[in-house]
N, C-alpha and C. Protein backbone atom coordinates (compact mmCIF):
# COMPACT_ATOMS: atom_id res chain seq x y z
N MET A 1 115.84 158.06 6.11
CA MET A 1 116.78 158.96 6.76
C MET A 1 116.87 158.57 8.23
N GLY A 2 118.07 158.42 8.75
CA GLY A 2 118.28 158.07 10.14
C GLY A 2 117.99 159.23 11.07
N ALA A 3 117.91 158.93 12.36
CA ALA A 3 117.58 159.95 13.36
C ALA A 3 118.60 161.09 13.36
N THR A 4 119.88 160.77 13.21
CA THR A 4 120.91 161.81 13.22
C THR A 4 120.78 162.72 12.01
N ALA A 5 120.55 162.12 10.83
CA ALA A 5 120.39 162.93 9.61
C ALA A 5 119.12 163.77 9.70
N THR A 6 118.06 163.21 10.24
CA THR A 6 116.81 163.97 10.41
C THR A 6 117.03 165.13 11.35
N LEU A 7 117.68 164.88 12.47
CA LEU A 7 117.95 165.94 13.44
C LEU A 7 118.78 167.05 12.80
N THR A 8 119.83 166.68 12.09
CA THR A 8 120.68 167.68 11.44
C THR A 8 119.88 168.52 10.45
N ALA A 9 119.08 167.87 9.61
CA ALA A 9 118.26 168.59 8.63
C ALA A 9 117.29 169.53 9.34
N CYS A 10 116.66 169.05 10.40
CA CYS A 10 115.70 169.88 11.14
C CYS A 10 116.39 171.06 11.82
N LEU A 11 117.58 170.84 12.38
CA LEU A 11 118.33 171.93 13.01
C LEU A 11 118.69 173.01 12.00
N VAL A 12 119.15 172.60 10.84
CA VAL A 12 119.54 173.57 9.80
C VAL A 12 118.31 174.34 9.32
N MET A 13 117.20 173.64 9.08
CA MET A 13 115.97 174.33 8.65
C MET A 13 115.49 175.32 9.70
N ALA A 14 115.51 174.91 10.97
CA ALA A 14 115.06 175.80 12.05
C ALA A 14 115.97 177.01 12.17
N ALA A 15 117.27 176.79 12.08
CA ALA A 15 118.23 177.91 12.15
C ALA A 15 117.98 178.89 11.00
N ASN A 16 117.79 178.37 9.80
CA ASN A 16 117.53 179.24 8.65
C ASN A 16 116.21 179.99 8.82
N MET A 17 115.19 179.32 9.32
CA MET A 17 113.88 179.93 9.50
C MET A 17 113.94 181.13 10.44
N TYR A 18 114.77 181.03 11.48
CA TYR A 18 114.85 182.09 12.49
C TYR A 18 116.12 182.94 12.39
N GLY A 19 116.90 182.75 11.34
CA GLY A 19 118.09 183.58 11.14
C GLY A 19 119.14 183.38 12.22
N LEU A 20 119.31 182.14 12.63
CA LEU A 20 120.30 181.82 13.67
C LEU A 20 121.42 180.98 13.08
N PRO A 21 122.61 181.02 13.68
CA PRO A 21 123.68 180.15 13.24
C PRO A 21 123.34 178.69 13.55
N PRO A 22 123.39 177.80 12.56
CA PRO A 22 123.12 176.39 12.84
C PRO A 22 124.02 175.84 13.94
N ALA A 23 125.25 176.31 14.02
CA ALA A 23 126.18 175.81 15.04
C ALA A 23 125.66 176.10 16.45
N ALA A 24 124.96 177.21 16.64
CA ALA A 24 124.43 177.53 17.97
C ALA A 24 123.35 176.53 18.36
N LEU A 25 122.45 176.21 17.43
CA LEU A 25 121.41 175.22 17.74
C LEU A 25 122.01 173.84 17.95
N LYS A 26 123.00 173.49 17.15
CA LYS A 26 123.65 172.18 17.31
C LYS A 26 124.35 172.12 18.67
N GLY A 27 124.98 173.23 19.06
CA GLY A 27 125.63 173.28 20.37
C GLY A 27 124.64 173.09 21.51
N ILE A 28 123.46 173.70 21.39
CA ILE A 28 122.43 173.52 22.40
C ILE A 28 121.99 172.05 22.43
N TYR A 29 121.79 171.48 21.25
CA TYR A 29 121.41 170.06 21.20
C TYR A 29 122.48 169.20 21.89
N LEU A 30 123.74 169.45 21.59
CA LEU A 30 124.81 168.65 22.19
C LEU A 30 124.86 168.81 23.70
N ALA A 31 124.53 170.00 24.19
CA ALA A 31 124.50 170.23 25.63
C ALA A 31 123.28 169.57 26.27
N GLU A 32 122.16 169.57 25.55
CA GLU A 32 120.92 169.00 26.09
C GLU A 32 120.90 167.47 25.96
N GLY A 33 121.25 166.96 24.78
CA GLY A 33 121.37 165.52 24.57
C GLY A 33 120.09 164.73 24.67
N GLY A 34 118.95 165.35 24.39
CA GLY A 34 117.69 164.63 24.46
C GLY A 34 117.42 163.81 23.21
N THR A 35 116.33 163.06 23.24
CA THR A 35 115.91 162.26 22.10
C THR A 35 114.40 162.45 21.89
N ALA A 36 113.95 162.15 20.69
CA ALA A 36 112.52 162.21 20.40
C ALA A 36 111.77 161.28 21.35
N GLY A 37 110.66 161.75 21.87
CA GLY A 37 109.86 160.96 22.78
C GLY A 37 110.26 161.05 24.25
N GLN A 38 111.37 161.71 24.52
CA GLN A 38 111.89 161.77 25.88
C GLN A 38 111.22 162.87 26.71
N GLU A 39 110.94 162.55 27.96
CA GLU A 39 110.49 163.52 28.97
C GLU A 39 111.37 163.36 30.19
N VAL A 40 111.96 164.46 30.63
CA VAL A 40 112.83 164.44 31.81
C VAL A 40 112.20 165.33 32.88
N LEU A 41 111.96 164.76 34.06
CA LEU A 41 111.37 165.50 35.17
C LEU A 41 112.40 166.43 35.78
N ASN A 42 112.00 167.69 35.97
CA ASN A 42 112.85 168.69 36.63
C ASN A 42 112.47 168.79 38.10
N THR A 43 113.34 169.37 38.90
CA THR A 43 113.09 169.49 40.34
C THR A 43 111.88 170.39 40.64
N ASN A 44 111.51 171.28 39.72
CA ASN A 44 110.36 172.16 39.94
C ASN A 44 109.04 171.54 39.48
N GLY A 45 109.08 170.28 39.03
CA GLY A 45 107.87 169.60 38.60
C GLY A 45 107.57 169.71 37.12
N SER A 46 108.27 170.59 36.42
CA SER A 46 108.11 170.67 34.97
C SER A 46 108.89 169.53 34.32
N HIS A 47 108.73 169.37 33.03
CA HIS A 47 109.48 168.35 32.28
C HIS A 47 110.20 169.02 31.12
N ASP A 48 111.30 168.42 30.70
CA ASP A 48 112.01 168.81 29.49
C ASP A 48 111.68 167.77 28.43
N LEU A 49 111.35 168.24 27.22
CA LEU A 49 110.81 167.38 26.18
C LEU A 49 111.72 167.28 24.95
N GLY A 50 111.90 166.07 24.46
CA GLY A 50 112.52 165.82 23.17
C GLY A 50 113.99 166.17 23.07
N PRO A 51 114.50 166.21 21.83
CA PRO A 51 115.94 166.40 21.61
C PRO A 51 116.52 167.68 22.19
N MET A 52 115.78 168.78 22.10
CA MET A 52 116.29 170.07 22.57
C MET A 52 115.85 170.37 24.00
N GLN A 53 115.18 169.38 24.64
CA GLN A 53 114.76 169.48 26.04
C GLN A 53 113.96 170.77 26.30
N ILE A 54 112.89 170.95 25.52
CA ILE A 54 112.01 172.12 25.66
C ILE A 54 111.22 171.96 26.96
N ASN A 55 111.27 172.98 27.82
CA ASN A 55 110.58 172.91 29.09
C ASN A 55 109.07 173.02 28.89
N THR A 56 108.32 172.22 29.64
CA THR A 56 106.86 172.23 29.50
C THR A 56 106.24 173.56 29.91
N LEU A 57 107.00 174.44 30.54
CA LEU A 57 106.47 175.77 30.85
C LEU A 57 106.09 176.53 29.58
N TRP A 58 106.65 176.14 28.43
CA TRP A 58 106.33 176.77 27.14
C TRP A 58 105.03 176.24 26.54
N VAL A 59 104.56 175.10 26.99
CA VAL A 59 103.42 174.43 26.36
C VAL A 59 102.15 175.29 26.32
N PRO A 60 101.73 175.92 27.41
CA PRO A 60 100.49 176.71 27.33
C PRO A 60 100.55 177.83 26.29
N GLU A 61 101.66 178.55 26.25
CA GLU A 61 101.81 179.64 25.27
C GLU A 61 101.78 179.09 23.84
N LEU A 62 102.51 178.02 23.60
CA LEU A 62 102.55 177.45 22.25
C LEU A 62 101.20 176.85 21.86
N ALA A 63 100.48 176.26 22.80
CA ALA A 63 99.16 175.71 22.51
C ALA A 63 98.22 176.83 22.03
N LYS A 64 98.29 177.99 22.67
CA LYS A 64 97.46 179.13 22.25
C LYS A 64 97.86 179.60 20.86
N ILE A 65 99.16 179.74 20.62
CA ILE A 65 99.65 180.20 19.32
C ILE A 65 99.23 179.23 18.21
N TRP A 66 99.37 177.94 18.48
CA TRP A 66 99.09 176.91 17.47
C TRP A 66 97.61 176.55 17.38
N GLY A 67 96.79 176.97 18.34
CA GLY A 67 95.39 176.61 18.34
C GLY A 67 95.17 175.12 18.60
N MET A 68 95.99 174.56 19.45
CA MET A 68 95.92 173.14 19.79
C MET A 68 95.72 172.99 21.29
N SER A 69 95.32 171.80 21.70
CA SER A 69 95.24 171.53 23.14
C SER A 69 96.66 171.45 23.70
N GLU A 70 96.77 171.63 25.00
CA GLU A 70 98.08 171.50 25.63
C GLU A 70 98.61 170.08 25.50
N HIS A 71 97.73 169.09 25.56
CA HIS A 71 98.14 167.70 25.40
C HIS A 71 98.74 167.47 24.01
N GLU A 72 98.07 167.97 22.96
CA GLU A 72 98.57 167.81 21.59
C GLU A 72 99.88 168.55 21.40
N THR A 73 99.95 169.74 21.97
CA THR A 73 101.17 170.56 21.85
C THR A 73 102.34 169.87 22.52
N ARG A 74 102.12 169.38 23.71
CA ARG A 74 103.18 168.67 24.44
C ARG A 74 103.67 167.46 23.64
N ALA A 75 102.74 166.68 23.10
CA ALA A 75 103.12 165.50 22.31
C ALA A 75 103.91 165.90 21.07
N ALA A 76 103.50 166.96 20.39
CA ALA A 76 104.21 167.40 19.18
C ALA A 76 105.63 167.83 19.51
N ILE A 77 105.79 168.58 20.59
CA ILE A 77 107.13 169.03 21.00
C ILE A 77 107.99 167.85 21.42
N ARG A 78 107.41 166.93 22.13
CA ARG A 78 108.15 165.77 22.65
C ARG A 78 108.54 164.79 21.55
N ASP A 79 107.63 164.54 20.62
CA ASP A 79 107.78 163.41 19.71
C ASP A 79 108.27 163.75 18.31
N ASN A 80 108.09 164.99 17.86
CA ASN A 80 108.45 165.35 16.50
C ASN A 80 109.76 166.13 16.50
N ILE A 81 110.77 165.56 15.89
CA ILE A 81 112.11 166.17 15.92
C ILE A 81 112.11 167.57 15.32
N CYS A 82 111.47 167.74 14.18
CA CYS A 82 111.48 169.07 13.54
C CYS A 82 110.67 170.09 14.34
N THR A 83 109.55 169.68 14.89
CA THR A 83 108.79 170.59 15.74
C THR A 83 109.63 171.00 16.94
N ASN A 84 110.29 170.05 17.54
CA ASN A 84 111.12 170.31 18.71
C ASN A 84 112.24 171.30 18.38
N THR A 85 112.93 171.09 17.28
CA THR A 85 114.04 172.00 16.94
C THR A 85 113.52 173.38 16.53
N GLN A 86 112.35 173.44 15.90
CA GLN A 86 111.80 174.74 15.54
C GLN A 86 111.38 175.52 16.78
N VAL A 87 110.82 174.83 17.76
CA VAL A 87 110.48 175.50 19.02
C VAL A 87 111.76 175.99 19.70
N ALA A 88 112.80 175.19 19.69
CA ALA A 88 114.07 175.62 20.28
C ALA A 88 114.60 176.87 19.59
N ALA A 89 114.53 176.90 18.26
CA ALA A 89 115.00 178.07 17.51
C ALA A 89 114.14 179.29 17.84
N TRP A 90 112.84 179.09 17.96
CA TRP A 90 111.92 180.19 18.30
C TRP A 90 112.26 180.75 19.69
N ILE A 91 112.49 179.85 20.65
CA ILE A 91 112.86 180.29 22.01
C ILE A 91 114.17 181.07 21.97
N LEU A 92 115.18 180.49 21.31
CA LEU A 92 116.49 181.15 21.23
C LEU A 92 116.37 182.50 20.54
N LYS A 93 115.66 182.56 19.42
CA LYS A 93 115.52 183.82 18.68
C LYS A 93 114.85 184.89 19.55
N ASN A 94 113.82 184.51 20.29
CA ASN A 94 113.17 185.48 21.17
C ASN A 94 114.11 185.99 22.25
N HIS A 95 114.95 185.12 22.79
CA HIS A 95 115.93 185.56 23.78
C HIS A 95 116.98 186.48 23.14
N VAL A 96 117.38 186.16 21.93
CA VAL A 96 118.34 187.02 21.22
C VAL A 96 117.73 188.39 20.97
N LEU A 97 116.49 188.42 20.52
CA LEU A 97 115.82 189.70 20.26
C LEU A 97 115.65 190.50 21.55
N ASP A 98 115.32 189.82 22.65
CA ASP A 98 115.14 190.51 23.94
C ASP A 98 116.43 191.10 24.48
N THR A 99 117.55 190.39 24.25
CA THR A 99 118.82 190.82 24.86
C THR A 99 119.77 191.49 23.88
N GLY A 100 119.53 191.30 22.58
CA GLY A 100 120.44 191.85 21.57
C GLY A 100 121.74 191.06 21.44
N SER A 101 121.77 189.85 22.00
CA SER A 101 123.01 189.09 22.05
C SER A 101 122.74 187.60 21.87
N LEU A 102 123.45 186.98 20.92
CA LEU A 102 123.35 185.53 20.78
C LEU A 102 123.90 184.84 22.01
N SER A 103 124.99 185.32 22.53
CA SER A 103 125.62 184.73 23.71
C SER A 103 124.66 184.73 24.91
N THR A 104 124.03 185.85 25.17
CA THR A 104 123.09 185.95 26.28
C THR A 104 121.83 185.14 25.97
N GLY A 105 121.44 185.10 24.70
CA GLY A 105 120.30 184.30 24.30
C GLY A 105 120.52 182.82 24.61
N ILE A 106 121.72 182.34 24.33
CA ILE A 106 122.06 180.95 24.64
C ILE A 106 121.98 180.72 26.15
N ALA A 107 122.51 181.64 26.93
CA ALA A 107 122.45 181.51 28.39
C ALA A 107 121.00 181.47 28.85
N ARG A 108 120.17 182.34 28.30
CA ARG A 108 118.77 182.39 28.72
C ARG A 108 117.94 181.22 28.20
N TYR A 109 118.43 180.53 27.19
CA TYR A 109 117.74 179.32 26.74
C TYR A 109 117.58 178.37 27.92
N HIS A 110 118.57 178.38 28.77
CA HIS A 110 118.56 177.51 29.96
C HIS A 110 117.92 178.19 31.16
N SER A 111 118.32 179.43 31.43
CA SER A 111 117.85 180.10 32.64
C SER A 111 118.06 181.60 32.55
N ARG A 112 117.11 182.35 33.10
CA ARG A 112 117.28 183.80 33.23
C ARG A 112 118.14 184.15 34.46
N THR A 113 118.39 183.17 35.31
CA THR A 113 119.27 183.37 36.45
C THR A 113 120.71 183.41 35.93
N THR A 114 121.37 184.53 36.14
CA THR A 114 122.66 184.81 35.48
C THR A 114 123.68 183.69 35.66
N HIS A 115 123.94 183.27 36.88
CA HIS A 115 125.01 182.27 37.08
C HIS A 115 124.64 180.92 36.47
N LEU A 116 123.36 180.56 36.47
CA LEU A 116 122.95 179.30 35.85
C LEU A 116 123.06 179.39 34.32
N GLY A 117 122.62 180.50 33.78
CA GLY A 117 122.72 180.71 32.34
C GLY A 117 124.15 180.77 31.86
N GLN A 118 125.00 181.41 32.62
CA GLN A 118 126.42 181.53 32.25
C GLN A 118 127.08 180.16 32.19
N GLY A 119 126.83 179.34 33.17
CA GLY A 119 127.40 177.99 33.18
C GLY A 119 126.90 177.18 32.00
N TYR A 120 125.62 177.32 31.68
CA TYR A 120 125.04 176.61 30.54
C TYR A 120 125.66 177.08 29.23
N LYS A 121 125.80 178.40 29.08
CA LYS A 121 126.41 178.95 27.87
C LYS A 121 127.82 178.41 27.68
N GLU A 122 128.58 178.33 28.75
CA GLU A 122 129.93 177.77 28.67
C GLU A 122 129.89 176.31 28.24
N ARG A 123 128.92 175.55 28.75
CA ARG A 123 128.78 174.14 28.36
C ARG A 123 128.45 174.02 26.88
N VAL A 124 127.55 174.88 26.38
CA VAL A 124 127.20 174.87 24.95
C VAL A 124 128.42 175.19 24.10
N ILE A 125 129.15 176.22 24.49
CA ILE A 125 130.34 176.61 23.72
C ILE A 125 131.38 175.49 23.74
N ASN A 126 131.57 174.87 24.88
CA ASN A 126 132.52 173.74 24.96
C ASN A 126 132.09 172.60 24.05
N ARG A 127 130.80 172.30 24.00
CA ARG A 127 130.31 171.24 23.10
C ARG A 127 130.54 171.63 21.64
N MET A 128 130.37 172.90 21.32
CA MET A 128 130.60 173.37 19.95
C MET A 128 132.07 173.22 19.57
N ILE A 129 132.96 173.56 20.49
CA ILE A 129 134.40 173.43 20.25
C ILE A 129 134.79 171.96 20.11
N GLU A 130 134.32 171.13 21.05
CA GLU A 130 134.65 169.70 21.03
C GLU A 130 134.19 169.01 19.74
N SER A 131 133.08 169.46 19.18
CA SER A 131 132.54 168.83 17.98
C SER A 131 133.06 169.48 16.69
N GLY A 132 133.93 170.49 16.82
CA GLY A 132 134.50 171.13 15.64
C GLY A 132 133.59 172.15 14.98
N LEU A 133 132.53 172.56 15.63
CA LEU A 133 131.62 173.55 15.06
C LEU A 133 132.20 174.95 15.06
N VAL A 134 133.02 175.25 16.07
CA VAL A 134 133.74 176.52 16.18
C VAL A 134 135.14 176.25 16.69
N GLU A 135 136.00 177.22 16.52
CA GLU A 135 137.38 177.07 17.01
C GLU A 135 137.58 177.90 18.26
């Protein structure tokens, strides 16, 4: 299975696991544009990991939940496509539950700062429209 087919399968499984629309996760992926194994340095010193660009600020919490070291957790998020997409779905679902809104959840996936999140949400929606996921 190629990387694109693997990513698609993992996105659909993660969306189903967390009761999210697959199109929303795909839109986030299209906006993020990461790849397995990728680390991108942010201006605050954190890194974004893998296809869904999971911020390393999540690593300590996930390491505790998973009972793994932070090093192992970071590597799993960065290098494993399905782990990365499942973490993205978990983050998005928690934001949706906190806000009661998929739209706001998508914005908060990027930032709790309103204007930054709003711009990100618009970028995700535009990617979804451009790719034919929504009209």
